[in-house]
Amino acid sequence: MTLVTLTTDLGEQDYYAGALKGAILKQCPGAQLVDITHAIPSHDMVRGAFILKNAYPHFPEGSIHLVNVHNFYAAERRLLAILHQGHYFLGPDNGIFSLVFDQQPKQARILPDDGTGLLSHQEVLARAIAHLAGGTPLEELGEPLDSISERIHLRPVVSASQIRGTVVHVDKFENVIVNITRELFEQVRKGRNFALYFKRHEPITELSAQYCEVPMGEVLCLFNSAGYLEIAIHMGKAAGLLGLGVDDAVRIDFI
């Protein structure tokens, strides 16, 4: 059985996500479809990439991950098939994959249409899924691609005693996720104390392992299951109460 995940900005209130699933099942009736999410804010490639990047490693190798975020970015679309770390990825060459992968994928193909321009992007992607499910090698899906389109995204700024990061995601619970990993934090920290600054709030100087380590309603920071720094409030909504949102700056000083 072919496992296909879906990460889209199509929403649930319209027929778009259902039509996409129908197109896939028409071409590949035995596919097992798994919704990662259809609730990516419209055209928000950064959010879509963050969610896919942290979800796909939990699926078995050989899974096919279809991305439909900001697909209609240009009149001349280009849809890709990529093999990366044992997983297949299908979606637009609009820069989103450069946010998912830490480096350029070595195996990427441009998916062809029928030459008439009449095939919808759904049909092109569904046809590619059917080929992969049938055992067609990636190399036979289309012309090779030297490099995928890249989108510039903010990375932490690091010095000997400081890391400057950026809020990259706010989850359902309004926990605030920062683009600073545990690995980077410990690499710069070197056993020192720290102070985490954001907005005009008092700095956080302790690292928690669980939300419940502080009293209810208190602010804390921890590293979440994906390894990213998270600012949260025990049983509260940190983003709203602290006034934090995507692209806001966060600073860690090591003392």
C-alpha atoms as a PDB file:
ATOM      1  CA  MET A   1       0.000   0.000   0.000  1.00  0.00           C
ATOM      2  CA  THR A   2       1.335   3.439  -0.967  1.00  0.00           C
ATOM      3  CA  LEU A   3       1.343   5.979   1.872  1.00  0.00           C
ATOM      4  CA  VAL A   4       0.737   9.560   0.725  1.00  0.00           C
ATOM      5  CA  THR A   5       0.776  12.529   3.107  1.00  0.00           C
ATOM      6  CA  LEU A   6      -0.879  15.849   2.303  1.00  0.00           C
ATOM      7  CA  THR A   7       0.310  19.263   3.491  1.00  0.00           C
ATOM      8  CA  THR A   8      -1.724  22.077   1.949  1.00  0.00           C
ATOM      9  CA  ASP A   9      -3.161  25.553   2.340  1.00  0.00           C
ATOM     10  CA  LEU A  10      -6.452  24.441   0.776  1.00  0.00           C
ATOM     11  CA  GLY A  11      -8.486  24.573   3.993  1.00  0.00           C
ATOM     12  CA  GLU A  12     -11.398  22.343   4.990  1.00  0.00           C
ATOM     13  CA  GLN A  13     -14.368  24.562   4.176  1.00  0.00           C
ATOM     14  CA  ASP A  14     -14.193  24.225   0.372  1.00  0.00           C
ATOM     15  CA  TYR A  15     -14.050  21.295  -2.014  1.00  0.00           C
ATOM     16  CA  TYR A  16     -10.370  21.795  -2.899  1.00  0.00           C
ATOM     17  CA  ALA A  17      -8.822  19.274  -0.492  1.00  0.00           C
ATOM     18  CA  GLY A  18     -11.477  16.709  -1.388  1.00  0.00           C
ATOM     19  CA  ALA A  19     -10.881  17.231  -5.097  1.00  0.00           C
ATOM     20  CA  LEU A  20      -7.150  16.726  -4.593  1.00  0.00           C
ATOM     21  CA  LYS A  21      -7.764  13.460  -2.755  1.00  0.00           C
ATOM     22  CA  GLY A  22     -10.176  12.336  -5.444  1.00  0.00           C
ATOM     23  CA  ALA A  23      -7.636  13.036  -8.178  1.00  0.00           C
ATOM     24  CA  ILE A  24      -5.048  10.949  -6.330  1.00  0.00           C
ATOM     25  CA  LEU A  25      -7.400   8.028  -5.688  1.00  0.00           C
ATOM     26  CA  LYS A  26      -8.578   8.054  -9.296  1.00  0.00           C
ATOM     27  CA  GLN A  27      -4.994   7.522 -10.446  1.00  0.00           C
ATOM     28  CA  CYS A  28      -3.905   5.355  -7.510  1.00  0.00           C
ATOM     29  CA  PRO A  29      -6.943   3.600  -5.920  1.00  0.00           C
ATOM     30  CA  GLY A  30      -4.855   1.740  -3.358  1.00  0.00           C
ATOM     31  CA  ALA A  31      -3.196   4.815  -1.880  1.00  0.00           C
ATOM     32  CA  GLN A  32      -3.450   5.431   1.858  1.00  0.00           C
ATOM     33  CA  LEU A  33      -3.944   9.185   2.291  1.00  0.00           C
ATOM     34  CA  VAL A  34      -2.804  10.834   5.514  1.00  0.00           C
ATOM     35  CA  ASP A  35      -3.613  14.487   6.207  1.00  0.00           C
ATOM     36  CA  ILE A  36      -0.723  16.258   7.880  1.00  0.00           C
ATOM     37  CA  THR A  37      -2.720  19.472   7.630  1.00  0.00           C
ATOM     38  CA  HIS A  38      -4.840  21.511   5.239  1.00  0.00           C
ATOM     39  CA  ALA A  39      -4.835  24.501   7.602  1.00  0.00           C
ATOM     40  CA  ILE A  40      -1.641  26.226   6.484  1.00  0.00           C
ATOM     41  CA  PRO A  41      -2.461  29.959   6.187  1.00  0.00           C
ATOM     42  CA  SER A  42      -2.889  30.877   2.523  1.00  0.00           C
ATOM     43  CA  HIS A  43       0.445  31.086   0.672  1.00  0.00           C
ATOM     44  CA  ASP A  44       2.445  30.748   3.932  1.00  0.00           C
ATOM     45  CA  MET A  45       5.393  28.691   2.733  1.00  0.00           C
ATOM     46  CA  VAL A  46       7.371  29.223   5.937  1.00  0.00           C
ATOM     47  CA  ARG A  47       4.597  27.686   8.051  1.00  0.00           C
ATOM     48  CA  GLY A  48       4.035  24.873   5.563  1.00  0.00           C
ATOM     49  CA  ALA A  49       7.725  24.033   5.409  1.00  0.00           C
ATOM     50  CA  PHE A  50       8.092  24.061   9.201  1.00  0.00           C
ATOM     51  CA  ILE A  51       5.210  21.637   9.684  1.00  0.00           C
ATOM     52  CA  LEU A  52       6.291  19.266   6.917  1.00  0.00           C
ATOM     53  CA  LYS A  53       9.941  19.335   8.001  1.00  0.00           C
ATOM     54  CA  ASN A  54       9.009  18.215  11.496  1.00  0.00           C
ATOM     55  CA  ALA A  55       6.341  15.702  10.448  1.00  0.00           C
ATOM     56  CA  TYR A  56       7.809  13.695   7.593  1.00  0.00           C
ATOM     57  CA  PRO A  57      10.672  11.993   9.520  1.00  0.00           C
ATOM     58  CA  HIS A  58       8.023  10.178  11.595  1.00  0.00           C
ATOM     59  CA  PHE A  59       6.709   8.362   8.512  1.00  0.00           C
ATOM     60  CA  PRO A  60       8.285   5.215   7.055  1.00  0.00           C
ATOM     61  CA  GLU A  61      10.824   5.522   4.268  1.00  0.00           C
ATOM     62  CA  GLY A  62       9.244   5.257   0.853  1.00  0.00           C
ATOM     63  CA  SER A  63       6.339   7.508   1.851  1.00  0.00           C
ATOM     64  CA  ILE A  64       5.223  10.132  -0.650  1.00  0.00           C
ATOM     65  CA  HIS A  65       4.726  13.647   0.719  1.00  0.00           C
ATOM     66  CA  LEU A  66       2.583  15.931  -1.429  1.00  0.00           C
ATOM     67  CA  VAL A  67       2.873  19.666  -0.807  1.00  0.00           C
ATOM     68  CA  ASN A  68       0.228  22.074  -2.064  1.00  0.00           C
ATOM     69  CA  VAL A  69       1.119  25.468  -0.576  1.00  0.00           C
ATOM     70  CA  HIS A  70       1.221  28.623  -2.704  1.00  0.00           C
ATOM     71  CA  ASN A  71       1.048  26.480  -5.845  1.00  0.00           C
ATOM     72  CA  PHE A  72      -0.234  29.245  -8.094  1.00  0.00           C
ATOM     73  CA  TYR A  73       2.827  31.388  -7.627  1.00  0.00           C
ATOM     74  CA  ALA A  74       3.528  32.023 -11.328  1.00  0.00           C
ATOM     75  CA  ALA A  75       1.944  31.661 -14.723  1.00  0.00           C
ATOM     76  CA  GLU A  76       4.668  29.195 -15.685  1.00  0.00           C
ATOM     77  CA  ARG A  77       4.390  26.606 -12.972  1.00  0.00           C
ATOM     78  CA  ARG A  78       7.001  23.949 -12.383  1.00  0.00           C
ATOM     79  CA  LEU A  79       6.130  20.876 -10.343  1.00  0.00           C
ATOM     80  CA  LEU A  80       8.847  18.669  -8.906  1.00  0.00           C
ATOM     81  CA  ALA A  81       9.431  15.117  -7.751  1.00  0.00           C
ATOM     82  CA  ILE A  82      12.248  14.781  -5.212  1.00  0.00           C
ATOM     83  CA  LEU A  83      13.860  11.834  -3.431  1.00  0.00           C
ATOM     84  CA  HIS A  84      15.465  12.899  -0.156  1.00  0.00           C
ATOM     85  CA  GLN A  85      16.571  10.698   2.744  1.00  0.00           C
ATOM     86  CA  GLY A  86      14.423   7.812   1.538  1.00  0.00           C
ATOM     87  CA  HIS A  87      11.246   9.894   1.180  1.00  0.00           C
ATOM     88  CA  TYR A  88       9.534  11.186  -1.959  1.00  0.00           C
ATOM     89  CA  PHE A  89       8.298  14.774  -2.168  1.00  0.00           C
ATOM     90  CA  LEU A  90       5.963  16.220  -4.789  1.00  0.00           C
ATOM     91  CA  GLY A  91       5.046  19.870  -5.117  1.00  0.00           C
ATOM     92  CA  PRO A  92       5.800  23.266  -6.645  1.00  0.00           C
ATOM     93  CA  ASP A  93       9.264  24.649  -7.247  1.00  0.00           C
ATOM     94  CA  ASN A  94       8.397  27.872  -5.451  1.00  0.00           C
ATOM     95  CA  GLY A  95      11.087  27.776  -2.772  1.00  0.00           C
ATOM     96  CA  ILE A  96       9.196  25.774  -0.159  1.00  0.00           C
ATOM     97  CA  PHE A  97      11.442  22.729  -0.465  1.00  0.00           C
ATOM     98  CA  SER A  98      14.514  24.861   0.271  1.00  0.00           C
ATOM     99  CA  LEU A  99      12.890  25.573   3.647  1.00  0.00           C
ATOM    100  CA  VAL A 100      12.195  21.874   4.268  1.00  0.00           C
ATOM    101  CA  PHE A 101      15.668  20.553   3.410  1.00  0.00           C
ATOM    102  CA  ASP A 102      18.908  21.750   4.994  1.00  0.00           C
ATOM    103  CA  GLN A 103      20.739  21.242   1.708  1.00  0.00           C
ATOM    104  CA  GLN A 104      19.972  20.920  -1.983  1.00  0.00           C
ATOM    105  CA  PRO A 105      18.456  17.488  -2.717  1.00  0.00           C
ATOM    106  CA  LYS A 106      20.611  15.379  -5.006  1.00  0.00           C
ATOM    107  CA  GLN A 107      17.709  13.726  -6.816  1.00  0.00           C
ATOM    108  CA  ALA A 108      15.054  16.028  -8.279  1.00  0.00           C
ATOM    109  CA  ARG A 109      12.979  15.831 -11.466  1.00  0.00           C
ATOM    110  CA  ILE A 110      10.663  18.248 -13.248  1.00  0.00           C
ATOM    111  CA  LEU A 111       7.248  16.669 -13.723  1.00  0.00           C
ATOM    112  CA  PRO A 112       6.010  17.011 -17.323  1.00  0.00           C
ATOM    113  CA  ASP A 113       2.459  17.790 -18.339  1.00  0.00           C
ATOM    114  CA  ASP A 114       0.915  16.576 -21.578  1.00  0.00           C
ATOM    115  CA  GLY A 115       2.270  19.499 -23.586  1.00  0.00           C
ATOM    116  CA  THR A 116      -1.146  21.101 -24.004  1.00  0.00           C
ATOM    117  CA  GLY A 117      -1.337  22.892 -20.675  1.00  0.00           C
ATOM    118  CA  LEU A 118      -4.730  21.265 -20.103  1.00  0.00           C
ATOM    119  CA  LEU A 119      -3.671  19.023 -17.228  1.00  0.00           C
ATOM    120  CA  SER A 120      -4.351  20.547 -13.825  1.00  0.00           C
ATOM    121  CA  HIS A 121      -1.580  20.520 -11.249  1.00  0.00           C
ATOM    122  CA  GLN A 122      -3.650  17.962  -9.320  1.00  0.00           C
ATOM    123  CA  GLU A 123      -3.604  15.598 -12.279  1.00  0.00           C
ATOM    124  CA  VAL A 124       0.137  16.021 -12.800  1.00  0.00           C
ATOM    125  CA  LEU A 125       0.842  15.275  -9.134  1.00  0.00           C
ATOM    126  CA  ALA A 126      -1.644  12.389  -9.004  1.00  0.00           C
ATOM    127  CA  ARG A 127      -0.088  10.830 -12.071  1.00  0.00           C
ATOM    128  CA  ALA A 128       3.365  11.064 -10.477  1.00  0.00           C
ATOM    129  CA  ILE A 129       2.050   9.342  -7.339  1.00  0.00           C
ATOM    130  CA  ALA A 130       0.642   6.520  -9.456  1.00  0.00           C
ATOM    131  CA  HIS A 131       3.985   6.084 -11.234  1.00  0.00           C
ATOM    132  CA  LEU A 132       5.913   5.956  -7.957  1.00  0.00           C
ATOM    133  CA  ALA A 133       3.383   3.545  -6.455  1.00  0.00           C
ATOM    134  CA  GLY A 134       3.801   1.317  -9.494  1.00  0.00           C
ATOM    135  CA  GLY A 135       7.548   1.137  -9.011  1.00  0.00           C
ATOM    136  CA  THR A 136       8.656   3.672 -11.622  1.00  0.00           C
ATOM    137  CA  PRO A 137      12.099   5.032 -10.658  1.00  0.00           C
ATOM    138  CA  LEU A 138      12.317   8.744  -9.942  1.00  0.00           C
ATOM    139  CA  GLU A 139      14.725   9.129 -12.860  1.00  0.00           C
ATOM    140  CA  GLU A 140      11.956   8.213 -15.290  1.00  0.00           C
ATOM    141  CA  LEU A 141       9.458  10.794 -14.034  1.00  0.00           C
ATOM    142  CA  GLY A 142      10.935  13.786 -15.833  1.00  0.00           C
ATOM    143  CA  GLU A 143      13.945  15.850 -16.769  1.00  0.00           C
ATOM    144  CA  PRO A 144      16.682  16.272 -14.141  1.00  0.00           C
ATOM    145  CA  LEU A 145      16.939  19.480 -12.153  1.00  0.00           C
ATOM    146  CA  ASP A 146      20.308  20.842 -11.041  1.00  0.00           C
ATOM    147  CA  SER A 147      18.946  22.852  -8.125  1.00  0.00           C
ATOM    148  CA  ILE A 148      15.565  23.687  -6.642  1.00  0.00           C
ATOM    149  CA  SER A 149      14.406  27.279  -6.235  1.00  0.00           C
ATOM    150  CA  GLU A 150      15.582  28.792  -2.985  1.00  0.00           C
ATOM    151  CA  ARG A 151      13.810  31.108  -0.616  1.00  0.00           C
ATOM    152  CA  ILE A 152      15.823  33.168   1.825  1.00  0.00           C
ATOM    153  CA  HIS A 153      14.817  32.463   5.391  1.00  0.00           C
ATOM    154  CA  LEU A 154      16.048  33.820   8.662  1.00  0.00           C
ATOM    155  CA  ARG A 155      18.651  31.815  10.524  1.00  0.00           C
ATOM    156  CA  PRO A 156      19.846  32.489  14.067  1.00  0.00           C
ATOM    157  CA  VAL A 157      22.657  35.029  14.403  1.00  0.00           C
ATOM    158  CA  VAL A 158      25.346  33.597  16.653  1.00  0.00           C
ATOM    159  CA  SER A 159      28.275  35.116  18.541  1.00  0.00           C
ATOM    160  CA  ALA A 160      30.422  33.794  21.380  1.00  0.00           C
ATOM    161  CA  SER A 161      27.966  34.893  24.075  1.00  0.00           C
ATOM    162  CA  GLN A 162      24.677  35.463  22.284  1.00  0.00           C
ATOM    163  CA  ILE A 163      22.100  33.915  19.955  1.00  0.00           C
ATOM    164  CA  ARG A 164      19.528  36.065  18.177  1.00  0.00           C
ATOM    165  CA  GLY A 165      16.595  34.033  16.917  1.00  0.00           C
ATOM    166  CA  THR A 166      13.182  34.531  15.357  1.00  0.00           C
ATOM    167  CA  VAL A 167       9.719  33.174  16.094  1.00  0.00           C
ATOM    168  CA  VAL A 168       8.900  30.777  13.251  1.00  0.00           C
ATOM    169  CA  HIS A 169       5.647  29.194  14.411  1.00  0.00           C
ATOM    170  CA  VAL A 170       2.789  29.534  16.886  1.00  0.00           C
ATOM    171  CA  ASP A 171       1.028  26.233  17.525  1.00  0.00           C
ATOM    172  CA  LYS A 172      -2.610  25.457  18.364  1.00  0.00           C
ATOM    173  CA  PHE A 173      -1.960  26.003  22.073  1.00  0.00           C
ATOM    174  CA  GLU A 174      -0.308  29.374  21.318  1.00  0.00           C
ATOM    175  CA  ASN A 175       3.083  28.063  22.328  1.00  0.00           C
ATOM    176  CA  VAL A 176       5.742  30.167  20.600  1.00  0.00           C
ATOM    177  CA  ILE A 177       8.406  28.254  18.665  1.00  0.00           C
ATOM    178  CA  VAL A 178      11.773  29.848  17.886  1.00  0.00           C
ATOM    179  CA  ASN A 179      14.319  28.857  15.227  1.00  0.00           C
ATOM    180  CA  ILE A 180      16.927  27.958  17.851  1.00  0.00           C
ATOM    181  CA  THR A 181      17.649  24.263  18.285  1.00  0.00           C
ATOM    182  CA  ARG A 182      18.830  22.531  21.424  1.00  0.00           C
ATOM    183  CA  GLU A 183      22.032  21.576  19.607  1.00  0.00           C
ATOM    184  CA  LEU A 184      22.856  25.200  18.796  1.00  0.00           C
ATOM    185  CA  PHE A 185      21.867  26.373  22.282  1.00  0.00           C
ATOM    186  CA  GLU A 186      24.170  23.895  24.030  1.00  0.00           C
ATOM    187  CA  GLN A 187      26.966  24.497  21.539  1.00  0.00           C
ATOM    188  CA  VAL A 188      27.063  28.207  22.364  1.00  0.00           C
ATOM    189  CA  ARG A 189      26.078  27.899  26.023  1.00  0.00           C
ATOM    190  CA  LYS A 190      29.025  25.729  27.099  1.00  0.00           C
ATOM    191  CA  GLY A 191      27.593  25.239  30.565  1.00  0.00           C
ATOM    192  CA  ARG A 192      26.973  28.922  31.264  1.00  0.00           C
ATOM    193  CA  ASN A 193      23.880  30.575  32.697  1.00  0.00           C
ATOM    194  CA  PHE A 194      21.581  32.336  30.256  1.00  0.00           C
ATOM    195  CA  ALA A 195      18.916  35.014  29.992  1.00  0.00           C
ATOM    196  CA  LEU A 196      16.206  34.786  27.326  1.00  0.00           C
ATOM    197  CA  TYR A 197      14.806  38.176  26.254  1.00  0.00           C
ATOM    198  CA  PHE A 198      11.735  38.981  24.154  1.00  0.00           C
ATOM    199  CA  LYS A 199       9.540  42.073  23.818  1.00  0.00           C
ATOM    200  CA  ARG A 200       9.601  43.925  27.161  1.00  0.00           C
ATOM    201  CA  HIS A 201       9.055  40.859  29.295  1.00  0.00           C
ATOM    202  CA  GLU A 202      11.338  39.962  32.168  1.00  0.00           C
ATOM    203  CA  PRO A 203      14.022  37.533  30.971  1.00  0.00           C
ATOM    204  CA  ILE A 204      13.640  33.799  31.448  1.00  0.00           C
ATOM    205  CA  THR A 205      16.723  32.357  33.138  1.00  0.00           C
ATOM    206  CA  GLU A 206      15.750  28.723  33.708  1.00  0.00           C
ATOM    207  CA  LEU A 207      15.258  25.941  31.182  1.00  0.00           C
ATOM    208  CA  SER A 208      12.337  23.618  31.923  1.00  0.00           C
ATOM    209  CA  ALA A 209      11.938  20.015  30.832  1.00  0.00           C
ATOM    210  CA  GLN A 210       8.122  20.032  31.134  1.00  0.00           C
ATOM    211  CA  TYR A 211       5.372  22.650  31.247  1.00  0.00           C
ATOM    212  CA  CYS A 212       4.291  21.573  34.717  1.00  0.00           C
ATOM    213  CA  GLU A 213       7.655  22.451  36.265  1.00  0.00           C
ATOM    214  CA  VAL A 214       6.435  26.019  36.837  1.00  0.00           C
ATOM    215  CA  PRO A 215       3.242  27.163  38.606  1.00  0.00           C
ATOM    216  CA  MET A 216       0.099  27.479  36.514  1.00  0.00           C
ATOM    217  CA  GLY A 217       0.117  30.748  34.594  1.00  0.00           C
ATOM    218  CA  GLU A 218       3.887  31.185  34.764  1.00  0.00           C
ATOM    219  CA  VAL A 219       6.082  31.755  31.715  1.00  0.00           C
ATOM    220  CA  LEU A 220       8.701  29.150  30.834  1.00  0.00           C
ATOM    221  CA  CYS A 221      10.995  28.032  28.061  1.00  0.00           C
ATOM    222  CA  LEU A 222      11.869  24.502  27.015  1.00  0.00           C
ATOM    223  CA  PHE A 223      12.953  22.500  24.000  1.00  0.00           C
ATOM    224  CA  ASN A 224      10.022  20.732  22.402  1.00  0.00           C
ATOM    225  CA  SER A 225       9.887  17.235  20.946  1.00  0.00           C
ATOM    226  CA  ALA A 226      11.183  18.533  17.602  1.00  0.00           C
ATOM    227  CA  GLY A 227      14.218  20.048  19.323  1.00  0.00           C
ATOM    228  CA  TYR A 228      13.234  23.730  18.958  1.00  0.00           C
ATOM    229  CA  LEU A 229      13.173  26.373  21.667  1.00  0.00           C
ATOM    230  CA  GLU A 230       9.642  27.072  22.830  1.00  0.00           C
ATOM    231  CA  ILE A 231       8.267  29.901  24.950  1.00  0.00           C
ATOM    232  CA  ALA A 232       5.094  28.864  26.747  1.00  0.00           C
ATOM    233  CA  ILE A 233       2.790  29.557  29.670  1.00  0.00           C
ATOM    234  CA  HIS A 234       1.747  26.642  31.861  1.00  0.00           C
ATOM    235  CA  MET A 235      -1.947  26.123  31.024  1.00  0.00           C
ATOM    236  CA  GLY A 236      -1.997  29.461  29.202  1.00  0.00           C
ATOM    237  CA  LYS A 237      -1.695  31.007  25.745  1.00  0.00           C
ATOM    238  CA  ALA A 238       1.762  32.499  25.441  1.00  0.00           C
ATOM    239  CA  ALA A 239       1.420  34.119  22.017  1.00  0.00           C
ATOM    240  CA  GLY A 240      -1.622  36.187  22.924  1.00  0.00           C
ATOM    241  CA  LEU A 241      -0.664  37.008  26.495  1.00  0.00           C
ATOM    242  CA  LEU A 242       2.945  37.901  25.686  1.00  0.00           C
ATOM    243  CA  GLY A 243       2.224  39.609  22.383  1.00  0.00           C
ATOM    244  CA  LEU A 244       4.502  37.287  20.425  1.00  0.00           C
ATOM    245  CA  GLY A 245       4.021  36.264  16.817  1.00  0.00           C
ATOM    246  CA  VAL A 246       5.846  34.928  13.778  1.00  0.00           C
ATOM    247  CA  ASP A 247       8.961  36.965  12.847  1.00  0.00           C
ATOM    248  CA  ASP A 248       9.318  38.512  16.314  1.00  0.00           C
ATOM    249  CA  ALA A 249      12.874  38.637  17.635  1.00  0.00           C
ATOM    250  CA  VAL A 250      14.201  36.611  20.574  1.00  0.00           C
ATOM    251  CA  ARG A 251      17.623  37.051  22.175  1.00  0.00           C
ATOM    252  CA  ILE A 252      19.608  34.735  24.432  1.00  0.00           C
ATOM    253  CA  ASP A 253      22.579  36.126  26.352  1.00  0.00           C
ATOM    254  CA  PHE A 254      25.019  33.691  27.952  1.00  0.00           C
ATOM    255  CA  ILE A 255      26.574  34.845  31.193  1.00  0.00           C
END
